[in-house]
Amino acid sequence: MRRDSRILIVGHNDSIENSLKKYFQAEGFDQVLSNTQDRINVLDQSKVESLFKKFKPTHIFLGSLRSGGIAANQKFPAEFIYENTQSQNLIMDASRRWGVRKLLYFSSSCVYPKLAKQPIKESSLLTGPLEETSASYAVAKIAGTQICQAYKTQYGFNAIAAVPATLYGPGSDTNMETAHVLGALIAKFHKAVKENAKEVIVWGSGRPRREFLYVDDFVSACLFLMEKYEGAELINVGSGYDITIKQLAGMIKSISGYKGKIKFDTTKPDGALRKLMDNTRIRKLGWKPKVALEEGIEKTYQWYVHK
């Protein structure tokens, strides 16, 4: 990408969208739009068509309009599947028709089967049943991945799809009703510190293992893939290691300075027991993450406290 590239970022005012915009602004790119910050309704076909006619984007980063943790997935399955499929269908087709040079689609680790062999290879897609707690979102993201591959095969459209590990960092959702586990726990522990609470309740048993990736590392991977990857196959983008939710809670407890107890609510669902991805493909291309988990959580916690 050159500094005169016309870049469109589609998301939901999340850490990916914010970090991408921050990078492009710092690097002197002056033609960058995002659907949330520029108030573009990407669920409306006429609005999408007007956007492409006027702006004529050359590069697109296509994320989710809806995402979140188990609670949000269970509460809003209809919105998760409709809003994500509708927006990605409209953006993808307009991109092909208006001559976009390259599109990077953000998939999700939940597209892989619930019982996929660990670490999960890209070839595991569509080889088994999905985790039930995130099925609507997963189906939408699988559809987006298939659209990329179909448009590349039929039209030669330069669309690639990446599967990030669970992302976190400044700008993450920290609403305890909708956030992924790391953002929700940061909010819970900070609230407990302020209120001097005796305990923090964490959903599930604490046994599931999760892989996390700092958002700035994912942004560097996005830029890398835009320059280096042309394949039709999915490509995993992860840190290469995971920890249990119990370990994660302990780490956030320590960083926050909380002195009370952690209680695990086993009446709440765990979700998939493990989702560690195999990142061999992207590492062989020459990319690797830089921010260690504890360092990233410290940065995210400080952002949350001072935002």
C-alpha atoms as a PDB file:
ATOM      1  CA  MET A   1       0.000   0.000   0.000  1.00  0.00           C
ATOM      2  CA  ARG A   2       1.129   3.516  -0.832  1.00  0.00           C
ATOM      3  CA  ARG A   3       0.280   6.699   1.048  1.00  0.00           C
ATOM      4  CA  ASP A   4      -2.163   7.664  -1.675  1.00  0.00           C
ATOM      5  CA  SER A   5      -4.072   4.377  -1.299  1.00  0.00           C
ATOM      6  CA  ARG A   6      -7.759   4.766  -0.469  1.00  0.00           C
ATOM      7  CA  ILE A   7      -8.384   2.533   2.519  1.00  0.00           C
ATOM      8  CA  LEU A   8     -11.728   1.386   3.922  1.00  0.00           C
ATOM      9  CA  ILE A   9     -11.923  -0.258   7.354  1.00  0.00           C
ATOM     10  CA  VAL A  10     -15.145  -2.063   8.259  1.00  0.00           C
ATOM     11  CA  GLY A  11     -15.736  -2.964  11.903  1.00  0.00           C
ATOM     12  CA  HIS A  12     -17.639  -1.938  15.026  1.00  0.00           C
ATOM     13  CA  ASN A  13     -15.417   0.696  16.652  1.00  0.00           C
ATOM     14  CA  ASP A  14     -13.307  -2.061  18.151  1.00  0.00           C
ATOM     15  CA  SER A  15      -9.610  -2.292  18.919  1.00  0.00           C
ATOM     16  CA  ILE A  16      -8.752  -3.504  15.389  1.00  0.00           C
ATOM     17  CA  GLU A  17     -10.484  -0.608  13.669  1.00  0.00           C
ATOM     18  CA  ASN A  18      -9.036   1.951  16.082  1.00  0.00           C
ATOM     19  CA  SER A  19      -5.501   0.555  15.892  1.00  0.00           C
ATOM     20  CA  LEU A  20      -5.541   0.399  12.090  1.00  0.00           C
ATOM     21  CA  LYS A  21      -6.711   4.002  11.856  1.00  0.00           C
ATOM     22  CA  LYS A  22      -4.088   5.093  14.369  1.00  0.00           C
ATOM     23  CA  TYR A  23      -1.356   3.390  12.322  1.00  0.00           C
ATOM     24  CA  PHE A  24      -2.431   4.911   9.013  1.00  0.00           C
ATOM     25  CA  GLN A  25      -2.746   8.397  10.505  1.00  0.00           C
ATOM     26  CA  ALA A  26       0.737   8.140  12.045  1.00  0.00           C
ATOM     27  CA  GLU A  27       2.192   6.985   8.705  1.00  0.00           C
ATOM     28  CA  GLY A  28       0.704   9.852   6.709  1.00  0.00           C
ATOM     29  CA  PHE A  29      -2.132   8.050   4.915  1.00  0.00           C
ATOM     30  CA  ASP A  30      -4.782  10.734   4.394  1.00  0.00           C
ATOM     31  CA  GLN A  31      -7.483   8.738   2.577  1.00  0.00           C
ATOM     32  CA  VAL A  32      -8.774   6.359   5.245  1.00  0.00           C
ATOM     33  CA  LEU A  33     -12.450   5.774   6.062  1.00  0.00           C
ATOM     34  CA  SER A  34     -14.106   3.515   8.624  1.00  0.00           C
ATOM     35  CA  ASN A  35     -17.796   2.722   8.715  1.00  0.00           C
ATOM     36  CA  THR A  36     -18.247   3.623  12.388  1.00  0.00           C
ATOM     37  CA  GLN A  37     -16.147   6.768  12.660  1.00  0.00           C
ATOM     38  CA  ASP A  38     -17.431   8.092   9.340  1.00  0.00           C
ATOM     39  CA  ARG A  39     -21.040   6.990  10.000  1.00  0.00           C
ATOM     40  CA  ILE A  40     -21.451   4.722   6.985  1.00  0.00           C
ATOM     41  CA  ASN A  41     -24.323   2.234   7.121  1.00  0.00           C
ATOM     42  CA  VAL A  42     -22.817  -0.878   5.563  1.00  0.00           C
ATOM     43  CA  LEU A  43     -26.060  -2.814   6.082  1.00  0.00           C
ATOM     44  CA  ASP A  44     -27.764  -0.661   3.434  1.00  0.00           C
ATOM     45  CA  GLN A  45     -26.977  -1.607  -0.157  1.00  0.00           C
ATOM     46  CA  SER A  46     -27.637   1.874  -1.536  1.00  0.00           C
ATOM     47  CA  LYS A  47     -25.330   3.460   1.065  1.00  0.00           C
ATOM     48  CA  VAL A  48     -22.588   0.942   0.284  1.00  0.00           C
ATOM     49  CA  GLU A  49     -22.951   1.611  -3.446  1.00  0.00           C
ATOM     50  CA  SER A  50     -22.741   5.365  -2.864  1.00  0.00           C
ATOM     51  CA  LEU A  51     -19.631   4.904  -0.743  1.00  0.00           C
ATOM     52  CA  PHE A  52     -17.803   2.929  -3.429  1.00  0.00           C
ATOM     53  CA  LYS A  53     -18.897   5.280  -6.202  1.00  0.00           C
ATOM     54  CA  LYS A  54     -17.640   8.348  -4.323  1.00  0.00           C
ATOM     55  CA  PHE A  55     -14.562   7.045  -2.441  1.00  0.00           C
ATOM     56  CA  LYS A  56     -13.406   4.259  -4.789  1.00  0.00           C
ATOM     57  CA  PRO A  57     -11.415   2.326  -2.146  1.00  0.00           C
ATOM     58  CA  THR A  58      -8.294   0.495  -3.269  1.00  0.00           C
ATOM     59  CA  HIS A  59      -7.726  -1.610  -0.120  1.00  0.00           C
ATOM     60  CA  ILE A  60     -10.260  -2.944   2.368  1.00  0.00           C
ATOM     61  CA  PHE A  61      -9.964  -4.427   5.860  1.00  0.00           C
ATOM     62  CA  LEU A  62     -13.265  -6.235   6.412  1.00  0.00           C
ATOM     63  CA  GLY A  63     -14.137  -7.067  10.021  1.00  0.00           C
ATOM     64  CA  SER A  64     -17.278  -7.771  12.016  1.00  0.00           C
ATOM     65  CA  LEU A  65     -20.202  -5.486  12.772  1.00  0.00           C
ATOM     66  CA  ARG A  66     -20.973  -7.685  15.776  1.00  0.00           C
ATOM     67  CA  SER A  67     -18.676  -9.756  17.977  1.00  0.00           C
ATOM     68  CA  GLY A  68     -18.374 -10.586  21.655  1.00  0.00           C
ATOM     69  CA  GLY A  69     -18.091 -13.200  24.347  1.00  0.00           C
ATOM     70  CA  ILE A  70     -20.357 -16.085  25.304  1.00  0.00           C
ATOM     71  CA  ALA A  71     -22.981 -13.858  26.966  1.00  0.00           C
ATOM     72  CA  ALA A  72     -23.341 -11.620  23.902  1.00  0.00           C
ATOM     73  CA  ASN A  73     -23.426 -14.596  21.522  1.00  0.00           C
ATOM     74  CA  GLN A  74     -26.222 -16.199  23.524  1.00  0.00           C
ATOM     75  CA  LYS A  75     -28.232 -12.974  23.842  1.00  0.00           C
ATOM     76  CA  PHE A  76     -27.954 -11.702  20.245  1.00  0.00           C
ATOM     77  CA  PRO A  77     -27.529 -14.702  17.893  1.00  0.00           C
ATOM     78  CA  ALA A  78     -29.858 -13.190  15.273  1.00  0.00           C
ATOM     79  CA  GLU A  79     -27.946  -9.899  15.096  1.00  0.00           C
ATOM     80  CA  PHE A  80     -24.614 -11.746  15.066  1.00  0.00           C
ATOM     81  CA  ILE A  81     -25.510 -13.789  12.015  1.00  0.00           C
ATOM     82  CA  TYR A  82     -27.581 -11.202  10.118  1.00  0.00           C
ATOM     83  CA  GLU A  83     -25.459  -8.075  10.531  1.00  0.00           C
ATOM     84  CA  ASN A  84     -22.176  -9.846   9.800  1.00  0.00           C
ATOM     85  CA  THR A  85     -23.401 -11.745   6.734  1.00  0.00           C
ATOM     86  CA  GLN A  86     -25.289  -8.752   5.327  1.00  0.00           C
ATOM     87  CA  SER A  87     -22.395  -6.315   5.650  1.00  0.00           C
ATOM     88  CA  GLN A  88     -19.721  -8.675   4.333  1.00  0.00           C
ATOM     89  CA  ASN A  89     -21.880  -9.708   1.360  1.00  0.00           C
ATOM     90  CA  LEU A  90     -22.475  -6.098   0.355  1.00  0.00           C
ATOM     91  CA  ILE A  91     -18.858  -5.007   0.850  1.00  0.00           C
ATOM     92  CA  MET A  92     -17.396  -8.027  -0.919  1.00  0.00           C
ATOM     93  CA  ASP A  93     -19.590  -7.730  -3.993  1.00  0.00           C
ATOM     94  CA  ALA A  94     -19.105  -3.968  -4.274  1.00  0.00           C
ATOM     95  CA  SER A  95     -15.341  -4.468  -3.910  1.00  0.00           C
ATOM     96  CA  ARG A  96     -15.259  -6.869  -6.808  1.00  0.00           C
ATOM     97  CA  ARG A  97     -17.403  -4.663  -9.043  1.00  0.00           C
ATOM     98  CA  TRP A  98     -15.568  -1.410  -8.244  1.00  0.00           C
ATOM     99  CA  GLY A  99     -12.072  -2.787  -8.798  1.00  0.00           C
ATOM    100  CA  VAL A 100     -10.675  -2.923  -5.245  1.00  0.00           C
ATOM    101  CA  ARG A 101      -7.049  -4.072  -5.477  1.00  0.00           C
ATOM    102  CA  LYS A 102      -7.047  -6.206  -2.339  1.00  0.00           C
ATOM    103  CA  LEU A 103      -9.367  -7.119   0.517  1.00  0.00           C
ATOM    104  CA  LEU A 104      -8.374  -8.695   3.834  1.00  0.00           C
ATOM    105  CA  TYR A 105     -11.211 -10.447   5.652  1.00  0.00           C
ATOM    106  CA  PHE A 106     -11.079 -11.033   9.409  1.00  0.00           C
ATOM    107  CA  SER A 107     -12.464 -14.452  10.238  1.00  0.00           C
ATOM    108  CA  SER A 108     -12.528 -15.941  13.767  1.00  0.00           C
ATOM    109  CA  SER A 109     -11.133 -18.971  15.591  1.00  0.00           C
ATOM    110  CA  CYS A 110     -14.715 -20.039  16.342  1.00  0.00           C
ATOM    111  CA  VAL A 111     -15.041 -21.152  12.695  1.00  0.00           C
ATOM    112  CA  TYR A 112     -13.076 -24.266  13.580  1.00  0.00           C
ATOM    113  CA  PRO A 113     -14.785 -27.402  14.913  1.00  0.00           C
ATOM    114  CA  LYS A 114     -15.380 -27.712  18.636  1.00  0.00           C
ATOM    115  CA  LEU A 115     -13.236 -30.840  18.827  1.00  0.00           C
ATOM    116  CA  ALA A 116     -10.569 -29.873  16.303  1.00  0.00           C
ATOM    117  CA  LYS A 117      -7.121 -31.342  16.880  1.00  0.00           C
ATOM    118  CA  GLN A 118      -4.848 -28.887  18.692  1.00  0.00           C
ATOM    119  CA  PRO A 119      -3.088 -26.763  17.619  1.00  0.00           C
ATOM    120  CA  ILE A 120      -5.708 -26.088  14.960  1.00  0.00           C
ATOM    121  CA  LYS A 121      -4.544 -26.106  11.358  1.00  0.00           C
ATOM    122  CA  GLU A 122      -6.326 -24.096   8.672  1.00  0.00           C
ATOM    123  CA  SER A 123      -7.325 -27.381   7.015  1.00  0.00           C
ATOM    124  CA  SER A 124      -9.606 -28.148   9.984  1.00  0.00           C
ATOM    125  CA  LEU A 125     -12.283 -25.792   8.640  1.00  0.00           C
ATOM    126  CA  LEU A 126     -15.615 -27.572   7.998  1.00  0.00           C
ATOM    127  CA  THR A 127     -14.411 -30.920   9.356  1.00  0.00           C
ATOM    128  CA  GLY A 128     -16.751 -31.155  12.367  1.00  0.00           C
ATOM    129  CA  PRO A 129     -19.526 -29.587  14.486  1.00  0.00           C
ATOM    130  CA  LEU A 130     -19.091 -26.064  15.856  1.00  0.00           C
ATOM    131  CA  GLU A 131     -19.074 -24.927  19.481  1.00  0.00           C
ATOM    132  CA  GLU A 132     -22.762 -24.282  20.243  1.00  0.00           C
ATOM    133  CA  THR A 133     -22.322 -21.073  22.255  1.00  0.00           C
ATOM    134  CA  SER A 134     -20.951 -19.146  19.262  1.00  0.00           C
ATOM    135  CA  ALA A 135     -22.563 -21.007  16.359  1.00  0.00           C
ATOM    136  CA  SER A 136     -24.402 -18.034  14.795  1.00  0.00           C
ATOM    137  CA  TYR A 137     -21.272 -15.906  14.715  1.00  0.00           C
ATOM    138  CA  ALA A 138     -19.188 -18.830  13.472  1.00  0.00           C
ATOM    139  CA  VAL A 139     -21.574 -19.525  10.594  1.00  0.00           C
ATOM    140  CA  ALA A 140     -21.380 -15.865   9.538  1.00  0.00           C
ATOM    141  CA  LYS A 141     -17.578 -15.932   9.611  1.00  0.00           C
ATOM    142  CA  ILE A 142     -17.440 -19.241   7.716  1.00  0.00           C
ATOM    143  CA  ALA A 143     -19.691 -17.677   5.077  1.00  0.00           C
ATOM    144  CA  GLY A 144     -17.321 -14.705   4.804  1.00  0.00           C
ATOM    145  CA  THR A 145     -14.369 -17.015   4.338  1.00  0.00           C
ATOM    146  CA  GLN A 146     -16.199 -18.961   1.629  1.00  0.00           C
ATOM    147  CA  ILE A 147     -17.155 -15.716  -0.131  1.00  0.00           C
ATOM    148  CA  CYS A 148     -13.479 -14.727  -0.301  1.00  0.00           C
ATOM    149  CA  GLN A 149     -12.570 -18.065  -1.823  1.00  0.00           C
ATOM    150  CA  ALA A 150     -15.523 -18.105  -4.228  1.00  0.00           C
ATOM    151  CA  TYR A 151     -14.834 -14.590  -5.531  1.00  0.00           C
ATOM    152  CA  LYS A 152     -11.147 -15.384  -5.953  1.00  0.00           C
ATOM    153  CA  THR A 153     -11.958 -18.587  -7.868  1.00  0.00           C
ATOM    154  CA  GLN A 154     -14.733 -17.214 -10.078  1.00  0.00           C
ATOM    155  CA  TYR A 155     -13.672 -13.606 -10.616  1.00  0.00           C
ATOM    156  CA  GLY A 156      -9.965 -13.579  -9.743  1.00  0.00           C
ATOM    157  CA  PHE A 157     -10.755 -11.030  -7.044  1.00  0.00           C
ATOM    158  CA  ASN A 158      -7.813 -10.532  -4.670  1.00  0.00           C
ATOM    159  CA  ALA A 159      -9.501 -11.416  -1.357  1.00  0.00           C
ATOM    160  CA  ILE A 160      -7.676 -13.146   1.496  1.00  0.00           C
ATOM    161  CA  ALA A 161      -8.969 -14.359   4.867  1.00  0.00           C
ATOM    162  CA  ALA A 162      -7.103 -14.353   8.175  1.00  0.00           C
ATOM    163  CA  VAL A 163      -8.107 -16.034  11.436  1.00  0.00           C
ATOM    164  CA  PRO A 164      -6.938 -14.035  14.453  1.00  0.00           C
ATOM    165  CA  ALA A 165      -6.641 -15.460  17.932  1.00  0.00           C
ATOM    166  CA  THR A 166      -8.795 -13.688  20.522  1.00  0.00           C
ATOM    167  CA  LEU A 167      -7.694 -10.061  20.256  1.00  0.00           C
ATOM    168  CA  TYR A 168      -7.232  -7.598  23.092  1.00  0.00           C
ATOM    169  CA  GLY A 169      -5.615  -4.240  23.751  1.00  0.00           C
ATOM    170  CA  PRO A 170      -6.473  -0.547  24.126  1.00  0.00           C
ATOM    171  CA  GLY A 171      -9.865   0.068  22.557  1.00  0.00           C
ATOM    172  CA  SER A 172     -11.162  -3.418  23.377  1.00  0.00           C
ATOM    173  CA  ASP A 173     -14.757  -3.956  24.447  1.00  0.00           C
ATOM    174  CA  THR A 174     -14.782  -3.964  28.269  1.00  0.00           C
ATOM    175  CA  ASN A 175     -18.553  -4.070  28.728  1.00  0.00           C
ATOM    176  CA  MET A 176     -19.130  -7.013  31.058  1.00  0.00           C
ATOM    177  CA  GLU A 177     -22.321  -7.930  29.170  1.00  0.00           C
ATOM    178  CA  THR A 178     -20.798  -8.126  25.695  1.00  0.00           C
ATOM    179  CA  ALA A 179     -16.992  -8.349  25.876  1.00  0.00           C
ATOM    180  CA  HIS A 180     -14.712 -11.303  25.302  1.00  0.00           C
ATOM    181  CA  VAL A 181     -13.292 -12.827  28.451  1.00  0.00           C
ATOM    182  CA  LEU A 182     -10.140 -10.714  28.774  1.00  0.00           C
ATOM    183  CA  GLY A 183     -11.909  -7.368  28.389  1.00  0.00           C
ATOM    184  CA  ALA A 184     -14.707  -8.433  30.728  1.00  0.00           C
ATOM    185  CA  LEU A 185     -12.232  -9.571  33.392  1.00  0.00           C
ATOM    186  CA  ILE A 186     -10.295  -6.311  33.249  1.00  0.00           C
ATOM    187  CA  ALA A 187     -13.544  -4.439  33.914  1.00  0.00           C
ATOM    188  CA  LYS A 188     -14.562  -6.833  36.696  1.00  0.00           C
ATOM    189  CA  PHE A 189     -11.263  -6.667  38.554  1.00  0.00           C
ATOM    190  CA  HIS A 190     -10.999  -2.883  38.281  1.00  0.00           C
ATOM    191  CA  LYS A 191     -14.541  -2.542  39.606  1.00  0.00           C
ATOM    192  CA  ALA A 192     -13.692  -4.910  42.467  1.00  0.00           C
ATOM    193  CA  VAL A 193     -10.592  -2.860  43.340  1.00  0.00           C
ATOM    194  CA  LYS A 194     -12.562   0.393  43.422  1.00  0.00           C
ATOM    195  CA  GLU A 195     -15.368  -1.116  45.493  1.00  0.00           C
ATOM    196  CA  ASN A 196     -13.076  -3.200  47.708  1.00  0.00           C
ATOM    197  CA  ALA A 197     -15.183  -6.260  46.849  1.00  0.00           C
ATOM    198  CA  LYS A 198     -14.533  -9.537  48.633  1.00  0.00           C
ATOM    199  CA  GLU A 199     -14.694 -11.667  45.484  1.00  0.00           C
ATOM    200  CA  VAL A 200     -14.744 -11.564  41.699  1.00  0.00           C
ATOM    201  CA  ILE A 201     -16.998 -14.063  39.959  1.00  0.00           C
ATOM    202  CA  VAL A 202     -15.660 -15.591  36.746  1.00  0.00           C
ATOM    203  CA  TRP A 203     -17.906 -17.521  34.366  1.00  0.00           C
ATOM    204  CA  GLY A 204     -17.270 -21.256  34.015  1.00  0.00           C
ATOM    205  CA  SER A 205     -14.815 -23.642  35.610  1.00  0.00           C
ATOM    206  CA  GLY A 206     -11.613 -21.779  34.739  1.00  0.00           C
ATOM    207  CA  ARG A 207     -10.298 -24.849  32.901  1.00  0.00           C
ATOM    208  CA  PRO A 208     -10.737 -23.783  29.247  1.00  0.00           C
ATOM    209  CA  ARG A 209      -7.586 -22.603  27.524  1.00  0.00           C
ATOM    210  CA  ARG A 210      -7.499 -19.538  25.282  1.00  0.00           C
ATOM    211  CA  GLU A 211      -4.961 -17.994  22.927  1.00  0.00           C
ATOM    212  CA  PHE A 212      -4.701 -14.196  22.944  1.00  0.00           C
ATOM    213  CA  LEU A 213      -3.044 -11.755  20.551  1.00  0.00           C
ATOM    214  CA  TYR A 214      -2.282  -8.105  21.286  1.00  0.00           C
ATOM    215  CA  VAL A 215      -4.069  -5.872  18.797  1.00  0.00           C
ATOM    216  CA  ASP A 216      -0.932  -4.035  17.631  1.00  0.00           C
ATOM    217  CA  ASP A 217       0.576  -7.400  16.727  1.00  0.00           C
ATOM    218  CA  PHE A 218      -2.525  -8.211  14.705  1.00  0.00           C
ATOM    219  CA  VAL A 219      -2.320  -4.863  12.939  1.00  0.00           C
ATOM    220  CA  SER A 220       1.285  -5.629  11.985  1.00  0.00           C
ATOM    221  CA  ALA A 221       0.097  -9.018  10.671  1.00  0.00           C
ATOM    222  CA  CYS A 222      -2.652  -7.346   8.627  1.00  0.00           C
ATOM    223  CA  LEU A 223      -0.167  -5.002   6.971  1.00  0.00           C
ATOM    224  CA  PHE A 224       2.219  -7.902   6.408  1.00  0.00           C
ATOM    225  CA  LEU A 225      -0.490 -10.028   4.765  1.00  0.00           C
ATOM    226  CA  MET A 226      -1.602  -7.161   2.551  1.00  0.00           C
ATOM    227  CA  GLU A 227       1.932  -7.066   1.163  1.00  0.00           C
ATOM    228  CA  LYS A 228       3.016 -10.711   1.276  1.00  0.00           C
ATOM    229  CA  TYR A 229       0.051 -13.108   1.013  1.00  0.00           C
ATOM    230  CA  GLU A 230      -2.023 -13.939  -2.047  1.00  0.00           C
ATOM    231  CA  GLY A 231      -3.305 -17.419  -1.173  1.00  0.00           C
ATOM    232  CA  ALA A 232      -6.900 -18.633  -1.302  1.00  0.00           C
ATOM    233  CA  GLU A 233      -6.495 -20.649   1.895  1.00  0.00           C
ATOM    234  CA  LEU A 234      -7.220 -19.331   5.368  1.00  0.00           C
ATOM    235  CA  ILE A 235      -4.201 -18.152   7.313  1.00  0.00           C
ATOM    236  CA  ASN A 236      -4.043 -18.289  11.122  1.00  0.00           C
ATOM    237  CA  VAL A 237      -2.641 -15.307  13.027  1.00  0.00           C
ATOM    238  CA  GLY A 238      -1.873 -16.112  16.647  1.00  0.00           C
ATOM    239  CA  SER A 239       0.669 -15.952  19.428  1.00  0.00           C
ATOM    240  CA  GLY A 240       1.309 -19.688  19.353  1.00  0.00           C
ATOM    241  CA  TYR A 241       0.551 -20.347  23.029  1.00  0.00           C
ATOM    242  CA  ASP A 242      -2.472 -20.403  25.320  1.00  0.00           C
ATOM    243  CA  ILE A 243      -3.333 -20.215  29.025  1.00  0.00           C
ATOM    244  CA  THR A 244      -6.275 -21.323  31.142  1.00  0.00           C
ATOM    245  CA  ILE A 245      -8.990 -18.869  32.132  1.00  0.00           C
ATOM    246  CA  LYS A 246      -7.941 -19.510  35.730  1.00  0.00           C
ATOM    247  CA  GLN A 247      -4.378 -18.424  34.909  1.00  0.00           C
ATOM    248  CA  LEU A 248      -5.696 -15.403  33.006  1.00  0.00           C
ATOM    249  CA  ALA A 249      -7.840 -14.329  35.946  1.00  0.00           C
ATOM    250  CA  GLY A 250      -4.841 -14.684  38.261  1.00  0.00           C
ATOM    251  CA  MET A 251      -2.696 -12.556  35.947  1.00  0.00           C
ATOM    252  CA  ILE A 252      -5.295  -9.772  35.770  1.00  0.00           C
ATOM    253  CA  LYS A 253      -5.796  -9.963  39.541  1.00  0.00           C
ATOM    254  CA  SER A 254      -2.086  -9.392  40.049  1.00  0.00           C
ATOM    255  CA  ILE A 255      -1.865  -6.542  37.525  1.00  0.00           C
ATOM    256  CA  SER A 256      -4.904  -4.790  39.005  1.00  0.00           C
ATOM    257  CA  GLY A 257      -3.671  -5.150  42.595  1.00  0.00           C
ATOM    258  CA  TYR A 258      -6.912  -6.823  43.688  1.00  0.00           C
ATOM    259  CA  LYS A 259      -6.619  -8.555  47.079  1.00  0.00           C
ATOM    260  CA  GLY A 260      -9.890 -10.503  47.273  1.00  0.00           C
ATOM    261  CA  LYS A 261     -10.898 -13.978  46.121  1.00  0.00           C
ATOM    262  CA  ILE A 262     -11.729 -15.368  42.696  1.00  0.00           C
ATOM    263  CA  LYS A 263     -14.849 -17.535  42.489  1.00  0.00           C
ATOM    264  CA  PHE A 264     -15.665 -19.627  39.414  1.00  0.00           C
ATOM    265  CA  ASP A 265     -19.363 -19.942  38.585  1.00  0.00           C
ATOM    266  CA  THR A 266     -19.672 -23.445  37.181  1.00  0.00           C
ATOM    267  CA  THR A 267     -23.359 -22.934  36.365  1.00  0.00           C
ATOM    268  CA  LYS A 268     -22.190 -20.779  33.444  1.00  0.00           C
ATOM    269  CA  PRO A 269     -20.910 -22.301  30.183  1.00  0.00           C
ATOM    270  CA  ASP A 270     -17.212 -22.805  29.488  1.00  0.00           C
ATOM    271  CA  GLY A 271     -17.425 -22.679  25.707  1.00  0.00           C
ATOM    272  CA  ALA A 272     -14.803 -24.653  23.811  1.00  0.00           C
ATOM    273  CA  LEU A 273     -12.235 -26.241  26.105  1.00  0.00           C
ATOM    274  CA  ARG A 274      -9.332 -25.204  23.894  1.00  0.00           C
ATOM    275  CA  LYS A 275      -8.758 -23.042  20.779  1.00  0.00           C
ATOM    276  CA  LEU A 276      -5.015 -22.916  20.111  1.00  0.00           C
ATOM    277  CA  MET A 277      -4.205 -22.277  16.474  1.00  0.00           C
ATOM    278  CA  ASP A 278      -1.264 -23.501  14.434  1.00  0.00           C
ATOM    279  CA  ASN A 279       0.494 -20.370  13.139  1.00  0.00           C
ATOM    280  CA  THR A 280       3.161 -22.193  11.120  1.00  0.00           C
ATOM    281  CA  ARG A 281       1.947 -20.813   7.786  1.00  0.00           C
ATOM    282  CA  ILE A 282       2.312 -17.127   8.639  1.00  0.00           C
ATOM    283  CA  ARG A 283       5.567 -17.671  10.544  1.00  0.00           C
ATOM    284  CA  LYS A 284       7.085 -19.337   7.465  1.00  0.00           C
ATOM    285  CA  LEU A 285       6.172 -16.213   5.506  1.00  0.00           C
ATOM    286  CA  GLY A 286       8.222 -14.162   7.991  1.00  0.00           C
ATOM    287  CA  TRP A 287       5.794 -12.688  10.553  1.00  0.00           C
ATOM    288  CA  LYS A 288       5.775 -13.251  14.303  1.00  0.00           C
ATOM    289  CA  PRO A 289       4.190 -11.413  17.280  1.00  0.00           C
ATOM    290  CA  LYS A 290       6.212  -9.152  19.570  1.00  0.00           C
ATOM    291  CA  VAL A 291       4.073  -8.354  22.635  1.00  0.00           C
ATOM    292  CA  ALA A 292       4.041 -10.884  25.490  1.00  0.00           C
ATOM    293  CA  LEU A 293       0.680 -11.538  27.150  1.00  0.00           C
ATOM    294  CA  GLU A 294       1.488 -10.036  30.551  1.00  0.00           C
ATOM    295  CA  GLU A 295       2.945  -6.907  28.935  1.00  0.00           C
ATOM    296  CA  GLY A 296      -0.124  -6.567  26.726  1.00  0.00           C
ATOM    297  CA  ILE A 297      -2.550  -6.976  29.619  1.00  0.00           C
ATOM    298  CA  GLU A 298      -0.642  -4.346  31.617  1.00  0.00           C
ATOM    299  CA  LYS A 299      -0.937  -1.893  28.699  1.00  0.00           C
ATOM    300  CA  THR A 300      -4.627  -2.695  28.272  1.00  0.00           C
ATOM    301  CA  TYR A 301      -5.354  -2.329  31.983  1.00  0.00           C
ATOM    302  CA  GLN A 302      -3.617   1.057  32.127  1.00  0.00           C
ATOM    303  CA  TRP A 303      -5.603   2.216  29.096  1.00  0.00           C
ATOM    304  CA  TYR A 304      -8.841   1.085  30.748  1.00  0.00           C
ATOM    305  CA  VAL A 305      -8.052   2.809  34.048  1.00  0.00           C
ATOM    306  CA  HIS A 306      -7.163   6.116  32.391  1.00  0.00           C
ATOM    307  CA  LYS A 307      -9.552   6.231  29.439  1.00  0.00           C
END
